[in-house]
N, C-alpha and C. Protein backbone atom coordinates (compact mmCIF):
# COMPACT_ATOMS: atom_id res chain seq x y z
N MET A 1 0.93 -1.11 -0.09
CA MET A 1 0.15 0.13 0.00
C MET A 1 0.82 1.06 -0.02
N THR A 2 1.05 2.08 -0.80
CA THR A 2 1.44 3.37 -0.92
C THR A 2 0.66 4.09 -0.55
N GLU A 3 1.36 5.08 0.73
CA GLU A 3 1.04 6.49 0.93
C GLU A 3 1.19 7.21 0.32
N ARG A 4 -0.47 8.12 -0.05
CA ARG A 4 -0.74 8.81 -0.18
C ARG A 4 -1.12 10.17 0.05
N SER A 5 -0.38 11.80 -0.35
CA SER A 5 -0.47 12.59 0.55
C SER A 5 -1.56 13.94 -0.50
N SER A 6 -1.94 14.48 0.32
CA SER A 6 -3.18 15.52 -0.52
C SER A 6 -2.69 16.56 -0.93
N PRO A 7 -3.40 17.48 -1.19
CA PRO A 7 -2.55 18.63 -1.90
C PRO A 7 -2.05 20.04 -0.67
N GLN A 8 -2.47 19.52 0.51
CA GLN A 8 -2.75 20.49 1.27
C GLN A 8 -1.66 20.05 2.57
N SER A 9 -0.35 18.94 1.84
CA SER A 9 0.50 18.66 3.19
C SER A 9 1.56 17.54 2.61
N LEU A 10 2.67 17.55 2.93
CA LEU A 10 3.41 17.07 2.42
C LEU A 10 3.64 15.37 3.26
N ALA A 11 3.66 14.28 2.52
CA ALA A 11 4.24 13.12 3.29
C ALA A 11 5.28 12.54 3.31
N VAL A 12 5.96 11.89 3.89
CA VAL A 12 7.78 11.60 4.22
C VAL A 12 6.88 9.91 4.36
N PRO A 13 7.13 8.51 3.50
CA PRO A 13 7.20 7.62 4.19
C PRO A 13 7.51 7.38 5.73
N GLY A 14 6.93 6.92 6.25
CA GLY A 14 7.55 6.53 7.59
C GLY A 14 6.96 7.78 8.70
N LYS A 15 7.01 9.01 8.05
CA LYS A 15 7.10 10.39 9.36
C LYS A 15 5.27 10.54 8.81
N ALA A 16 4.91 11.60 9.75
CA ALA A 16 3.69 11.79 9.77
C ALA A 16 3.63 13.33 8.90
N ALA A 17 2.65 13.39 8.43
CA ALA A 17 2.62 14.09 7.18
C ALA A 17 2.40 15.65 8.09
N LEU A 18 3.75 16.50 7.24
CA LEU A 18 3.87 18.20 7.52
C LEU A 18 2.70 18.78 6.74
N ALA A 19 2.45 19.96 7.47
CA ALA A 19 1.40 20.93 6.73
C ALA A 19 2.21 22.07 5.50
N ALA A 20 2.00 21.55 4.55
CA ALA A 20 2.34 22.52 3.53
C ALA A 20 2.13 23.97 3.92
N PRO A 21 3.36 25.04 3.78
CA PRO A 21 2.98 25.97 4.21
C PRO A 21 2.35 26.77 2.89
N PRO A 22 1.50 28.21 3.19
CA PRO A 22 0.96 28.78 2.46
C PRO A 22 1.05 29.66 1.47
N PRO A 23 0.35 29.70 0.22
CA PRO A 23 1.38 30.19 -0.96
C PRO A 23 1.91 31.51 -0.65
N ALA A 24 2.35 32.45 -0.94
CA ALA A 24 3.16 33.22 -1.13
C ALA A 24 2.33 34.72 -0.94
N SER A 25 1.78 34.34 -1.90
CA SER A 25 0.95 35.70 -2.17
C SER A 25 -0.30 35.87 -0.78
N LEU A 26 -0.37 34.80 0.48
CA LEU A 26 -1.10 34.93 1.21
C LEU A 26 -0.02 35.27 2.45
N GLN A 27 1.00 35.22 2.78
CA GLN A 27 2.15 35.44 3.20
C GLN A 27 2.33 36.69 3.94
N PRO A 28 2.61 37.18 4.59
CA PRO A 28 2.89 38.87 5.22
C PRO A 28 3.96 39.33 4.49
N ALA A 29 4.06 40.53 3.64
CA ALA A 29 5.32 40.93 3.40
C ALA A 29 6.22 40.68 3.98
N ARG A 30 7.65 40.60 3.28
CA ARG A 30 8.72 40.50 4.09
C ARG A 30 8.95 42.06 4.89
N GLY A 31 9.80 41.72 6.19
CA GLY A 31 9.48 42.89 7.01
C GLY A 31 8.24 43.67 7.54
N ALA A 32 6.93 43.03 7.04
CA ALA A 32 5.99 43.18 7.71
C ALA A 32 5.08 42.36 8.61
N SER A 33 4.82 42.69 9.90
CA SER A 33 4.20 41.92 10.76
C SER A 33 2.78 41.36 10.20
N GLU A 34 2.33 39.95 10.98
CA GLU A 34 1.40 39.86 10.60
C GLU A 34 0.06 40.78 10.74
N ALA A 35 0.27 41.37 11.85
CA ALA A 35 -1.10 42.52 11.86
C ALA A 35 -1.00 43.92 11.23
N THR A 36 -0.11 43.70 10.29
CA THR A 36 0.11 45.21 9.47
C THR A 36 -0.57 44.84 8.36
N ARG A 37 -1.51 45.92 7.52
CA ARG A 37 -1.78 45.76 6.67
C ARG A 37 -1.64 47.37 5.28
N GLU A 38 -1.51 46.16 4.28
CA GLU A 38 -0.87 47.31 3.21
C GLU A 38 -1.96 47.74 2.18
N TYR A 39 -1.79 48.82 1.80
CA TYR A 39 -2.93 49.64 0.82
C TYR A 39 -1.64 50.30 -0.36
N LEU A 40 -2.50 50.37 -1.39
CA LEU A 40 -1.91 51.45 -2.87
C LEU A 40 -2.50 52.77 -2.13
N VAL A 41 -1.92 53.54 -1.85
CA VAL A 41 -2.24 55.13 -1.86
C VAL A 41 -2.25 55.61 -3.65
N PHE A 42 -3.57 56.16 -3.59
CA PHE A 42 -3.17 57.33 -5.15
C PHE A 42 -4.47 58.45 -4.41
N GLU A 43 -4.16 59.45 -5.79
CA GLU A 43 -4.78 60.69 -5.36
C GLU A 43 -6.08 60.43 -6.36
N VAL A 44 -7.05 61.54 -5.55
CA VAL A 44 -8.49 61.45 -6.69
C VAL A 44 -8.92 62.77 -6.07
N ALA A 45 -8.67 63.98 -6.87
CA ALA A 45 -9.60 65.14 -6.50
C ALA A 45 -8.99 65.93 -5.56
N GLY A 46 -7.72 65.97 -5.55
CA GLY A 46 -6.95 66.12 -4.46
C GLY A 46 -6.70 65.22 -3.11
N ASP A 47 -7.25 64.24 -2.58
CA ASP A 47 -7.28 63.66 -1.75
C ASP A 47 -6.72 62.29 -1.95
N ARG A 48 -5.81 62.02 -0.69
CA ARG A 48 -5.33 60.57 -0.77
C ARG A 48 -6.43 59.38 -0.05
N MET A 49 -6.46 58.49 -0.85
CA MET A 49 -7.24 57.56 -0.82
C MET A 49 -6.29 56.17 -0.84
N ALA A 50 -6.64 55.02 -0.53
CA ALA A 50 -5.98 53.85 -1.19
C ALA A 50 -7.03 52.17 -1.00
N LEU A 51 -6.55 51.59 -1.78
CA LEU A 51 -7.24 50.11 -1.98
C LEU A 51 -6.03 49.38 -1.32
N PRO A 52 -6.55 48.22 -0.57
CA PRO A 52 -5.48 47.16 -0.37
C PRO A 52 -4.92 46.54 -1.23
N LEU A 53 -3.78 46.29 -0.91
CA LEU A 53 -2.92 46.13 -1.74
C LEU A 53 -2.79 44.58 -2.90
N GLY A 54 -3.64 43.92 -2.24
CA GLY A 54 -4.02 42.64 -2.92
C GLY A 54 -5.08 43.13 -3.72
N ALA A 55 -5.56 43.56 -3.58
CA ALA A 55 -7.18 44.24 -4.64
C ALA A 55 -6.67 44.66 -6.14
N VAL A 56 -5.29 45.09 -6.11
CA VAL A 56 -4.74 45.59 -7.18
C VAL A 56 -4.02 44.90 -7.78
N LYS A 57 -4.24 44.29 -9.04
CA LYS A 57 -3.65 43.61 -9.18
C LYS A 57 -2.52 44.02 -10.94
N GLU A 58 -2.47 45.44 -10.90
CA GLU A 58 -1.62 46.14 -12.25
C GLU A 58 -2.01 47.65 -12.25
N ILE A 59 -0.69 48.28 -12.69
CA ILE A 59 -0.99 49.60 -12.89
C ILE A 59 -0.42 49.94 -13.72
N LEU A 60 -1.65 50.35 -14.87
CA LEU A 60 -1.13 50.57 -16.41
C LEU A 60 -1.51 52.61 -16.53
N LYS A 61 -0.12 52.61 -17.39
CA LYS A 61 -0.64 54.38 -17.95
C LYS A 61 -1.77 54.35 -18.59
N LEU A 62 -2.35 55.53 -18.60
CA LEU A 62 -3.22 55.94 -19.24
C LEU A 62 -3.45 56.25 -20.67
N SER A 63 -4.47 55.05 -20.97
CA SER A 63 -4.31 54.87 -22.78
C SER A 63 -5.49 54.88 -23.57
N PRO A 64 -5.35 55.14 -24.30
CA PRO A 64 -6.92 55.35 -25.07
C PRO A 64 -8.16 54.58 -24.62
N ILE A 65 -9.27 55.09 -23.99
CA ILE A 65 -10.27 54.17 -23.84
C ILE A 65 -11.26 54.52 -24.60
N THR A 66 -12.06 53.62 -25.31
CA THR A 66 -13.33 53.27 -26.00
C THR A 66 -14.42 53.62 -25.05
N ALA A 67 -15.24 54.71 -25.73
CA ALA A 67 -16.56 54.96 -25.10
C ALA A 67 -17.20 54.02 -25.45
N VAL A 68 -18.50 53.60 -24.58
CA VAL A 68 -19.31 52.52 -24.58
C VAL A 68 -20.44 53.41 -24.43
N PRO A 69 -21.98 53.90 -25.57
CA PRO A 69 -22.83 54.44 -25.59
C PRO A 69 -24.28 53.96 -24.97
N ARG A 70 -24.63 55.05 -23.98
CA ARG A 70 -25.44 54.60 -23.24
C ARG A 70 -25.20 53.75 -21.89
N ALA A 71 -23.63 54.08 -21.48
CA ALA A 71 -23.36 53.57 -20.46
C ALA A 71 -23.62 54.54 -18.99
N ALA A 72 -23.01 53.42 -17.75
CA ALA A 72 -23.65 54.46 -16.51
C ALA A 72 -22.97 55.78 -16.50
N HIS A 73 -23.04 56.69 -15.39
CA HIS A 73 -22.32 57.50 -15.69
C HIS A 73 -21.28 57.81 -15.27
N ASP A 74 -20.55 57.14 -14.09
CA ASP A 74 -19.29 56.61 -14.16
C ASP A 74 -18.46 55.58 -14.99
N VAL A 75 -18.97 55.34 -15.76
CA VAL A 75 -18.33 54.50 -16.93
C VAL A 75 -17.56 55.28 -17.90
N LEU A 76 -16.75 55.07 -17.92
CA LEU A 76 -15.82 55.95 -19.11
C LEU A 76 -15.33 55.13 -20.08
N GLY A 77 -15.36 53.77 -20.69
CA GLY A 77 -15.65 52.84 -21.40
C GLY A 77 -15.22 51.55 -21.38
N ILE A 78 -14.51 51.21 -22.03
CA ILE A 78 -13.39 49.83 -22.12
C ILE A 78 -12.23 50.14 -22.70
N LEU A 79 -11.51 49.13 -22.15
CA LEU A 79 -9.87 48.69 -22.66
C LEU A 79 -9.70 47.64 -22.70
N SER A 80 -8.51 47.21 -23.98
CA SER A 80 -8.38 46.03 -24.16
C SER A 80 -6.86 45.87 -23.54
N VAL A 81 -6.89 44.90 -22.23
CA VAL A 81 -5.74 44.46 -21.54
C VAL A 81 -4.96 42.95 -22.22
N ARG A 82 -4.21 43.00 -22.89
CA ARG A 82 -3.64 42.11 -23.43
C ARG A 82 -4.85 41.21 -23.82
N GLY A 83 -5.50 41.14 -24.77
CA GLY A 83 -6.73 40.65 -25.27
C GLY A 83 -7.86 40.66 -24.84
N ARG A 84 -8.05 41.20 -23.68
CA ARG A 84 -9.43 41.08 -22.37
C ARG A 84 -9.87 42.12 -22.47
N ILE A 85 -10.98 42.33 -22.77
CA ILE A 85 -12.02 43.50 -22.43
C ILE A 85 -12.06 44.12 -21.44
N THR A 86 -11.77 45.28 -20.60
CA THR A 86 -11.64 45.37 -19.24
C THR A 86 -12.68 47.07 -19.16
N THR A 87 -13.88 46.77 -18.30
CA THR A 87 -14.37 47.77 -18.40
C THR A 87 -13.51 48.93 -17.25
N VAL A 88 -13.77 50.21 -17.52
CA VAL A 88 -12.90 51.19 -16.88
C VAL A 88 -14.05 52.34 -16.56
N LEU A 89 -13.45 52.70 -15.09
CA LEU A 89 -14.78 53.04 -14.39
C LEU A 89 -14.04 54.60 -13.77
N CYS A 90 -14.60 56.07 -13.47
CA CYS A 90 -13.80 57.05 -13.08
C CYS A 90 -14.35 57.03 -11.60
N LEU A 91 -13.18 57.06 -11.00
CA LEU A 91 -13.68 57.07 -9.53
C LEU A 91 -14.00 58.44 -9.09
N ARG A 92 -14.04 59.46 -9.88
CA ARG A 92 -14.12 60.69 -9.37
C ARG A 92 -15.71 60.56 -9.67
N ALA A 93 -16.43 60.05 -10.29
CA ALA A 93 -17.67 60.44 -10.77
C ALA A 93 -18.39 58.84 -9.84
N ARG A 94 -17.74 57.95 -9.53
CA ARG A 94 -18.44 57.02 -8.75
C ARG A 94 -18.39 57.90 -7.09
N LEU A 95 -17.46 58.88 -6.94
CA LEU A 95 -17.74 58.95 -5.18
C LEU A 95 -18.16 60.76 -5.34
N ALA A 96 -18.30 61.19 -6.47
CA ALA A 96 -19.34 62.05 -6.40
C ALA A 96 -18.46 63.26 -6.58
N LEU A 97 -17.45 63.36 -7.12
CA LEU A 97 -16.36 64.24 -6.96
C LEU A 97 -16.08 65.42 -8.46
N PRO A 98 -15.99 66.34 -8.24
CA PRO A 98 -15.80 67.21 -9.29
C PRO A 98 -14.74 66.29 -10.76
N PRO A 99 -15.29 66.46 -11.55
CA PRO A 99 -14.64 65.89 -13.15
C PRO A 99 -13.17 66.40 -13.23
N PRO A 100 -11.96 66.06 -13.79
CA PRO A 100 -11.09 66.39 -13.77
C PRO A 100 -10.57 67.57 -14.73
N GLU A 101 -9.90 68.61 -14.64
CA GLU A 101 -10.14 69.83 -15.78
C GLU A 101 -9.50 69.15 -16.82
N VAL A 102 -8.37 68.54 -16.77
CA VAL A 102 -7.44 67.88 -17.82
C VAL A 102 -6.59 66.75 -17.56
N SER A 103 -6.57 65.97 -18.52
CA SER A 103 -5.74 64.80 -18.37
C SER A 103 -4.44 64.85 -18.19
N THR A 104 -3.92 64.34 -16.87
CA THR A 104 -2.50 64.20 -16.40
C THR A 104 -1.68 63.20 -16.76
N ARG A 105 -0.48 63.48 -17.15
CA ARG A 105 0.81 62.50 -17.53
C ARG A 105 0.55 61.37 -16.44
N SER A 106 0.21 61.89 -14.99
CA SER A 106 0.11 61.06 -14.00
C SER A 106 -0.93 60.37 -13.57
N ALA A 107 -1.92 60.57 -14.32
CA ALA A 107 -3.26 59.62 -14.39
C ALA A 107 -2.90 58.27 -14.80
N ARG A 108 -3.56 57.54 -14.09
CA ARG A 108 -3.58 55.87 -14.15
C ARG A 108 -4.52 55.06 -14.00
N ILE A 109 -4.53 54.01 -14.39
CA ILE A 109 -5.64 52.82 -14.34
C ILE A 109 -5.12 51.65 -13.41
N LEU A 110 -5.80 51.43 -12.20
CA LEU A 110 -5.55 50.36 -11.70
C LEU A 110 -6.63 49.22 -11.93
N LEU A 111 -5.90 48.12 -12.22
CA LEU A 111 -6.61 47.34 -12.67
C LEU A 111 -6.83 46.45 -11.04
N VAL A 112 -8.44 45.98 -10.78
CA VAL A 112 -8.79 46.09 -9.72
C VAL A 112 -9.80 44.94 -9.60
N ASP A 113 -9.67 43.83 -8.64
CA ASP A 113 -9.90 42.49 -8.65
C ASP A 113 -11.21 42.66 -7.55
N ARG A 114 -12.24 42.39 -8.47
CA ARG A 114 -13.87 42.33 -7.91
C ARG A 114 -14.14 41.26 -7.73
N GLY A 115 -13.65 40.40 -7.70
CA GLY A 115 -14.10 38.71 -7.62
C GLY A 115 -14.65 37.79 -8.56
N THR A 116 -15.32 38.94 -9.41
CA THR A 116 -15.89 37.98 -10.85
C THR A 116 -15.07 38.12 -11.97
N GLU A 117 -14.58 39.40 -11.65
CA GLU A 117 -14.06 39.95 -12.71
C GLU A 117 -12.72 40.95 -12.62
N ILE A 118 -11.86 41.76 -13.46
CA ILE A 118 -11.42 42.57 -13.31
C ILE A 118 -11.74 43.87 -13.74
N ILE A 119 -11.64 45.34 -13.12
CA ILE A 119 -12.01 46.25 -13.11
C ILE A 119 -11.07 47.39 -13.79
N GLY A 120 -11.16 48.34 -14.41
CA GLY A 120 -10.04 49.16 -14.44
C GLY A 120 -10.52 50.53 -13.75
N VAL A 121 -9.86 51.07 -12.84
CA VAL A 121 -9.91 52.00 -12.14
C VAL A 121 -9.29 53.41 -12.71
N ARG A 122 -10.15 54.61 -13.06
CA ARG A 122 -8.86 55.53 -13.04
C ARG A 122 -8.66 56.75 -12.26
N VAL A 123 -7.19 56.90 -12.05
CA VAL A 123 -7.11 57.81 -10.68
C VAL A 123 -6.41 58.53 -10.96
N ASP A 124 -6.00 59.68 -10.55
CA ASP A 124 -5.53 60.96 -10.68
C ASP A 124 -3.93 61.00 -10.99
N ALA A 125 -3.53 59.89 -9.57
CA ALA A 125 -1.61 59.67 -9.77
C ALA A 125 -1.61 58.32 -8.59
N VAL A 126 -0.75 57.81 -8.57
CA VAL A 126 -0.25 56.61 -7.95
C VAL A 126 0.72 57.12 -6.92
N SER A 127 0.63 57.08 -5.75
CA SER A 127 1.93 57.65 -4.84
C SER A 127 2.64 56.32 -4.45
N GLU A 128 2.10 55.44 -3.45
CA GLU A 128 2.98 54.91 -2.67
C GLU A 128 2.33 53.81 -1.89
N VAL A 129 3.00 52.58 -1.97
CA VAL A 129 2.61 51.70 -0.72
C VAL A 129 2.66 51.90 0.33
N LEU A 130 1.42 52.12 0.93
CA LEU A 130 1.45 51.87 2.76
C LEU A 130 1.34 50.87 3.75
N ARG A 131 2.03 50.58 4.36
CA ARG A 131 1.85 49.39 5.85
C ARG A 131 1.11 50.21 6.82
N LEU A 132 -0.08 49.95 7.01
CA LEU A 132 -0.67 50.45 8.31
C LEU A 132 -0.99 49.22 9.49
N ARG A 133 -0.40 49.61 10.87
CA ARG A 133 -0.75 48.88 11.75
C ARG A 133 -2.24 48.85 11.91
N PRO A 134 -2.81 47.98 13.06
CA PRO A 134 -4.65 48.28 13.29
C PRO A 134 -4.52 49.66 14.24
N SER A 135 -3.61 50.16 15.17
CA SER A 135 -3.57 51.06 16.00
C SER A 135 -3.71 52.51 14.94
N GLU A 136 -3.19 52.41 13.48
CA GLU A 136 -2.97 53.30 12.47
C GLU A 136 -3.92 53.58 11.72
N ILE A 137 -5.50 52.90 12.24
CA ILE A 137 -6.55 52.39 11.51
C ILE A 137 -8.00 53.21 12.18
N GLU A 138 -8.33 54.27 11.84
CA GLU A 138 -9.83 54.17 12.86
C GLU A 138 -10.72 54.04 12.14
N ALA A 139 -12.10 53.92 12.36
CA ALA A 139 -13.20 53.86 12.19
C ALA A 139 -13.79 54.74 10.92
N ALA A 140 -14.73 54.41 10.08
CA ALA A 140 -15.26 55.49 9.10
C ALA A 140 -16.31 56.12 9.48
N ASP A 141 -16.59 56.15 10.70
CA ASP A 141 -18.01 56.75 11.27
C ASP A 141 -18.15 58.48 11.02
N VAL A 142 -16.87 58.96 10.59
CA VAL A 142 -16.90 60.80 10.27
C VAL A 142 -16.92 60.90 8.80
N ILE A 143 -17.24 59.66 8.03
CA ILE A 143 -17.30 60.35 6.21
C ILE A 143 -18.82 60.59 6.19
N GLY A 144 -18.76 61.32 5.14
CA GLY A 144 -19.83 62.11 4.53
C GLY A 144 -20.75 60.81 4.00
N ALA A 145 -22.27 60.99 3.95
CA ALA A 145 -23.03 60.10 3.31
C ALA A 145 -22.72 59.50 1.91
N GLY A 146 -22.30 60.73 1.08
CA GLY A 146 -22.14 59.90 -0.43
C GLY A 146 -20.68 58.73 -0.33
N LEU A 147 -19.91 59.08 0.63
CA LEU A 147 -18.96 58.24 0.35
C LEU A 147 -18.40 56.96 1.33
N ALA A 148 -19.62 56.70 2.48
CA ALA A 148 -19.66 56.48 3.78
C ALA A 148 -19.65 54.63 3.04
N GLU A 149 -20.23 54.54 2.36
CA GLU A 149 -20.55 53.00 1.78
C GLU A 149 -19.21 52.45 1.37
N HIS A 150 -18.63 53.14 0.82
CA HIS A 150 -17.36 52.70 0.07
C HIS A 150 -15.85 52.56 0.96
N VAL A 151 -15.93 53.06 2.20
CA VAL A 151 -14.50 53.47 3.01
C VAL A 151 -15.18 52.34 4.27
N THR A 152 -13.45 51.96 4.42
CA THR A 152 -13.41 50.69 5.25
C THR A 152 -12.77 51.89 6.57
N GLY A 153 -12.30 52.93 6.51
CA GLY A 153 -11.47 53.39 7.52
C GLY A 153 -10.44 54.40 7.07
N ILE A 154 -10.23 55.55 7.93
CA ILE A 154 -9.32 56.05 8.02
C ILE A 154 -7.65 55.80 8.39
N GLY A 155 -6.63 56.18 7.81
CA GLY A 155 -5.44 55.73 7.87
C GLY A 155 -4.64 56.62 8.23
N ARG A 156 -3.70 56.79 9.40
CA ARG A 156 -2.77 57.80 10.06
C ARG A 156 -1.77 57.14 9.89
N PRO A 157 -1.11 57.26 9.15
CA PRO A 157 0.36 56.51 9.09
C PRO A 157 0.87 57.20 9.97
N GLY A 158 1.65 56.62 10.64
CA GLY A 158 2.53 56.67 12.04
C GLY A 158 1.91 57.71 13.17
N GLY A 159 0.82 57.52 13.04
CA GLY A 159 -0.05 58.00 14.08
C GLY A 159 -0.11 59.48 14.00
N GLN A 160 0.08 60.48 12.77
CA GLN A 160 0.08 61.44 12.36
C GLN A 160 -1.07 62.18 12.24
N GLN A 161 -1.46 63.14 13.12
CA GLN A 161 -2.68 63.79 13.09
C GLN A 161 -2.74 64.86 11.74
N GLY A 162 -2.11 65.13 11.30
CA GLY A 162 -1.79 66.29 9.36
C GLY A 162 -1.92 65.23 8.42
N GLN A 163 -1.95 63.75 8.54
CA GLN A 163 -1.83 63.06 7.18
C GLN A 163 -2.75 62.08 7.20
N VAL A 164 -4.02 61.83 6.57
CA VAL A 164 -4.83 60.75 6.68
C VAL A 164 -4.85 60.52 4.94
N VAL A 165 -5.42 59.18 5.38
CA VAL A 165 -5.57 58.02 4.09
C VAL A 165 -6.86 57.57 4.16
N VAL A 166 -7.89 58.01 3.15
CA VAL A 166 -9.34 57.43 2.89
C VAL A 166 -9.01 55.76 2.71
N LEU A 167 -8.89 54.99 3.40
CA LEU A 167 -9.39 53.67 3.04
C LEU A 167 -10.58 53.19 2.33
N LEU A 168 -10.56 52.53 0.98
CA LEU A 168 -11.50 51.88 0.30
C LEU A 168 -11.71 51.23 0.31
N ASP A 169 -12.94 50.25 0.38
CA ASP A 169 -13.54 48.69 0.21
C ASP A 169 -13.74 48.27 -1.25
N PRO A 170 -12.81 47.52 -1.83
CA PRO A 170 -12.80 47.21 -3.34
C PRO A 170 -14.36 46.58 -3.77
N VAL A 171 -14.72 46.06 -2.97
CA VAL A 171 -15.97 45.23 -3.30
C VAL A 171 -17.46 46.00 -3.46
N ALA A 172 -17.43 46.91 -2.24
CA ALA A 172 -18.53 47.93 -2.26
C ALA A 172 -17.90 48.98 -3.29
N LEU A 173 -16.96 49.44 -3.66
CA LEU A 173 -16.58 50.54 -4.50
C LEU A 173 -16.83 50.24 -5.73
N LEU A 174 -17.03 49.09 -5.95
CA LEU A 174 -16.91 48.33 -7.71
C LEU A 174 -18.44 47.68 -7.86
N ARG A 175 -19.04 47.58 -6.87
CA ARG A 175 -20.60 46.90 -7.04
C ARG A 175 -21.59 47.39 -7.89
């Protein structure tokens, strides 16, 4: 009789099965504690906002977007990314912020995983990856009604009073 191993364990004949380590994508970043959360910080209408780093699959330079007739007000159009058609949303319109005056060279499209598909989200600029401890994240109960449903919290890096980052929920944002 041969000993078989499941995909989740490593079996050595005559020894107890060892649990396989989790995939690298689920392990904390090198140098980050397990409680630390990572966010991609970007700007929209002069405000610093962020999405969980794991939800952002890619950052693209702004490229031509094909308009879609009778699309929702926040849909900029569609974009072909390596042969796959991707819907691109305007985050300003989604959050009821004023439209950009002109397209800048710093504007980017974030490819965000919504679970069932990847959606492009246009932002004004991408600035950094930010690591926040739970003590640096405050509840979002102070946010106005139009934005509250998309926000998971307010980040205060290093506990600084002046610098805040609005932490967005990718599932609620792309619903």
